[in-house]
Amino acid sequence: MFSHPDYQRGFDWTEFLSGILFILISVYFFSRPVVALGSLVVITALIAIVRGIVNLSSYTKFRAIMPVSWLLVVAAALDIIVGLLFLFDTALGSLTIAYLFGFWFLIDAITGLLTSGHLRTFGGGWFVISVIFDILALALGVMMILQPALAAYTLVFIVTWFLLVAGLNHIVIAFARR
């Protein structure tokens, strides 16, 4: 039981309402997968732009200690280009999201594999975990490129199911806090 003195038990309306909203969005996305794909395009655009900015800031930190740090700049440029392309042409983004996700996964995975050596200084386990995740991302990227239509449908399907499950979880939490 939570024993913080400022904590007051009671039905959590914020959790409940966010759960209802997530469920409504998931039902809508199940019935309109094209709308869901368009939403994913915009979200992907924003994530890509932020990721590009993060890679650029990483370059300035790692350029002196990593011989292949220039790959971070290449990845950053590609992330930002993809993000801007999706933001300004959502129709094109909807048609190409699976291919771009596949290439994005490939580029990030290769960059991660080539730059993960610095993690050894934090312990060999971190390096091994990073390499395993990068290899998995590489395999997913290849699969997405080979099956782009299936990849786009799967992305929409997974996100829609996530919204439904998260919505149900928010409702359960709202009732648990009474």
Protein backbone atom coordinates (compact mmCIF):
# COMPACT_ATOMS: atom_id res chain seq x y z
CA MET A 1 0.00 0.00 0.00
CA PHE A 2 1.18 3.48 -0.82
CA SER A 3 1.81 5.33 2.44
CA HIS A 4 2.88 8.79 1.31
CA PRO A 5 1.15 11.39 3.57
CA ASP A 6 -0.04 13.49 0.59
CA TYR A 7 -1.57 10.52 -1.22
CA GLN A 8 -5.35 10.38 -1.13
CA ARG A 9 -7.22 7.35 -2.29
CA GLY A 10 -10.12 7.78 -4.65
CA PHE A 11 -11.34 7.02 -8.10
CA ASP A 12 -8.79 8.32 -10.61
CA TRP A 13 -10.82 10.18 -13.22
CA THR A 14 -7.73 11.14 -15.22
CA GLU A 15 -6.75 7.50 -15.66
CA PHE A 16 -10.33 6.53 -16.44
CA LEU A 17 -10.88 9.24 -19.05
CA SER A 18 -7.52 8.61 -20.72
CA GLY A 19 -8.40 4.90 -20.84
CA ILE A 20 -11.74 5.66 -22.50
CA LEU A 21 -9.98 7.96 -24.99
CA PHE A 22 -7.39 5.29 -25.86
CA ILE A 23 -10.14 2.70 -26.36
CA LEU A 24 -12.19 5.05 -28.56
CA ILE A 25 -9.14 5.83 -30.68
CA SER A 26 -8.34 2.13 -31.03
CA VAL A 27 -11.91 1.31 -32.11
CA TYR A 28 -11.75 4.15 -34.63
CA PHE A 29 -8.36 2.97 -35.92
CA PHE A 30 -9.64 -0.62 -36.23
CA SER A 31 -12.45 0.66 -38.42
CA ARG A 32 -10.26 3.13 -40.36
CA PRO A 33 -6.73 1.73 -40.76
CA VAL A 34 -5.86 4.36 -43.39
CA VAL A 35 -6.46 7.11 -40.80
CA ALA A 36 -4.31 5.17 -38.36
CA LEU A 37 -1.54 4.93 -40.92
CA GLY A 38 -1.74 8.69 -41.55
CA SER A 39 -1.48 9.31 -37.82
CA LEU A 40 1.55 7.03 -37.65
CA VAL A 41 3.13 9.02 -40.47
CA VAL A 42 2.87 12.28 -38.51
CA ILE A 43 4.06 10.68 -35.25
CA THR A 44 6.92 9.03 -37.12
CA ALA A 45 7.89 12.38 -38.61
CA LEU A 46 8.14 13.99 -35.20
CA ILE A 47 10.08 11.07 -33.73
CA ALA A 48 12.51 11.07 -36.66
CA ILE A 49 13.22 14.78 -36.30
CA VAL A 50 13.84 14.45 -32.55
CA ARG A 51 16.03 11.39 -33.13
CA GLY A 52 18.06 13.33 -35.69
CA ILE A 53 18.63 16.14 -33.22
CA VAL A 54 19.69 13.63 -30.55
CA ASN A 55 22.17 12.01 -32.97
CA LEU A 56 23.65 15.41 -33.80
CA SER A 57 24.16 16.16 -30.11
CA SER A 58 25.72 12.70 -29.64
CA TYR A 59 28.18 13.43 -32.42
CA THR A 60 29.56 16.45 -30.60
CA LYS A 61 30.06 14.34 -27.47
CA PHE A 62 31.62 11.29 -29.16
CA ARG A 63 33.62 12.62 -32.11
CA ALA A 64 36.87 12.72 -30.15
CA ILE A 65 36.60 9.18 -28.76
CA MET A 66 34.90 7.27 -31.60
CA PRO A 67 36.58 6.87 -34.98
CA VAL A 68 33.25 6.24 -36.75
CA SER A 69 31.29 9.01 -35.04
CA TRP A 70 30.61 10.59 -38.46
CA LEU A 71 27.99 7.87 -38.88
CA LEU A 72 25.93 9.67 -36.24
CA VAL A 73 25.81 12.72 -38.51
CA VAL A 74 24.71 10.60 -41.46
CA ALA A 75 22.00 8.93 -39.36
CA ALA A 76 20.90 12.32 -38.02
CA ALA A 77 20.61 13.78 -41.51
CA LEU A 78 18.58 10.80 -42.71
CA ASP A 79 16.30 10.96 -39.67
CA ILE A 80 15.63 14.66 -40.19
CA ILE A 81 15.05 14.24 -43.94
CA VAL A 82 12.57 11.42 -43.34
CA GLY A 83 10.80 13.47 -40.68
CA LEU A 84 10.43 16.53 -42.89
CA LEU A 85 9.34 14.45 -45.88
CA PHE A 86 6.59 12.82 -43.84
CA LEU A 87 5.43 16.10 -42.33
CA PHE A 88 5.09 17.89 -45.66
CA ASP A 89 3.71 15.03 -47.79
CA THR A 90 1.64 12.63 -45.68
CA ALA A 91 0.28 10.85 -48.75
CA LEU A 92 3.78 9.98 -49.88
CA GLY A 93 4.66 9.11 -46.29
CA SER A 94 1.72 6.72 -46.09
CA LEU A 95 2.87 4.97 -49.26
CA THR A 96 6.48 4.67 -48.20
CA ILE A 97 6.35 4.27 -44.43
CA ALA A 98 7.18 0.57 -44.44
CA TYR A 99 10.22 0.98 -46.70
CA LEU A 100 11.45 3.98 -44.78
CA PHE A 101 10.96 2.24 -41.46
CA GLY A 102 12.89 -0.73 -42.84
CA PHE A 103 15.78 1.43 -44.05
CA TRP A 104 15.64 3.47 -40.85
CA PHE A 105 15.95 0.27 -38.79
CA LEU A 106 18.85 -0.88 -40.98
CA ILE A 107 20.73 2.42 -40.73
CA ASP A 108 20.18 2.72 -36.98
CA ALA A 109 21.16 -0.91 -36.41
CA ILE A 110 24.34 -0.63 -38.49
CA THR A 111 25.22 2.66 -36.80
CA GLY A 112 24.58 1.07 -33.41
CA LEU A 113 26.73 -1.94 -34.25
CA LEU A 114 29.60 0.24 -35.48
CA THR A 115 29.48 2.69 -32.56
CA SER A 116 28.62 0.40 -29.64
CA GLY A 117 32.27 -0.26 -28.74
CA HIS A 118 32.30 2.64 -26.29
CA LEU A 119 29.82 0.74 -24.10
CA ARG A 120 32.59 -1.67 -23.10
CA THR A 121 33.88 1.02 -20.75
CA PHE A 122 30.60 0.70 -18.80
CA GLY A 123 30.85 -3.09 -18.64
CA GLY A 124 30.79 -5.89 -21.16
CA GLY A 125 27.15 -6.70 -20.45
CA TRP A 126 25.93 -3.34 -21.77
CA PHE A 127 27.92 -3.85 -24.95
CA VAL A 128 26.51 -7.35 -25.50
CA ILE A 129 22.92 -6.22 -24.87
CA SER A 130 23.31 -3.33 -27.28
CA VAL A 131 24.75 -5.60 -29.99
CA ILE A 132 21.89 -8.09 -29.54
CA PHE A 133 19.28 -5.33 -29.89
CA ASP A 134 21.05 -3.90 -32.93
CA ILE A 135 21.11 -7.34 -34.59
CA LEU A 136 17.38 -7.75 -33.89
CA ALA A 137 16.71 -4.29 -35.37
CA LEU A 138 18.79 -5.23 -38.42
CA ALA A 139 16.71 -8.40 -38.95
CA LEU A 140 13.45 -6.45 -38.55
CA GLY A 141 14.64 -3.85 -41.06
CA VAL A 142 15.40 -6.53 -43.65
CA MET A 143 12.00 -8.19 -43.10
CA MET A 144 10.20 -4.85 -43.47
CA ILE A 145 11.96 -4.09 -46.75
CA LEU A 146 11.11 -7.52 -48.14
CA GLN A 147 7.41 -7.25 -47.16
CA PRO A 148 6.47 -3.51 -47.15
CA ALA A 149 2.68 -3.90 -47.37
CA LEU A 150 2.66 -6.40 -44.55
CA ALA A 151 4.99 -4.15 -42.54
CA ALA A 152 2.67 -1.12 -42.91
CA TYR A 153 -0.39 -3.16 -41.95
CA THR A 154 1.45 -4.71 -39.02
CA LEU A 155 2.56 -1.29 -37.72
CA VAL A 156 -1.03 -0.03 -37.78
CA PHE A 157 -2.34 -3.23 -36.24
CA ILE A 158 0.22 -3.23 -33.39
CA VAL A 159 -0.32 0.43 -32.55
CA THR A 160 -4.10 -0.04 -32.56
CA TRP A 161 -3.91 -3.06 -30.26
CA PHE A 162 -1.50 -1.18 -27.99
CA LEU A 163 -4.00 1.67 -27.65
CA LEU A 164 -6.75 -0.79 -26.75
CA VAL A 165 -4.65 -2.62 -24.15
CA ALA A 166 -3.28 0.63 -22.69
CA GLY A 167 -6.81 2.03 -22.49
CA LEU A 168 -8.05 -1.03 -20.61
CA ASN A 169 -5.06 -0.79 -18.27
CA HIS A 170 -5.81 2.88 -17.52
CA ILE A 171 -9.39 1.97 -16.63
CA VAL A 172 -8.22 -0.85 -14.34
CA ILE A 173 -5.81 1.56 -12.61
CA ALA A 174 -8.62 4.12 -12.16
CA PHE A 175 -10.73 1.54 -10.31
CA ALA A 176 -7.75 0.14 -8.37
CA ARG A 177 -7.04 3.56 -6.89
CA ARG A 178 -10.51 3.97 -5.34
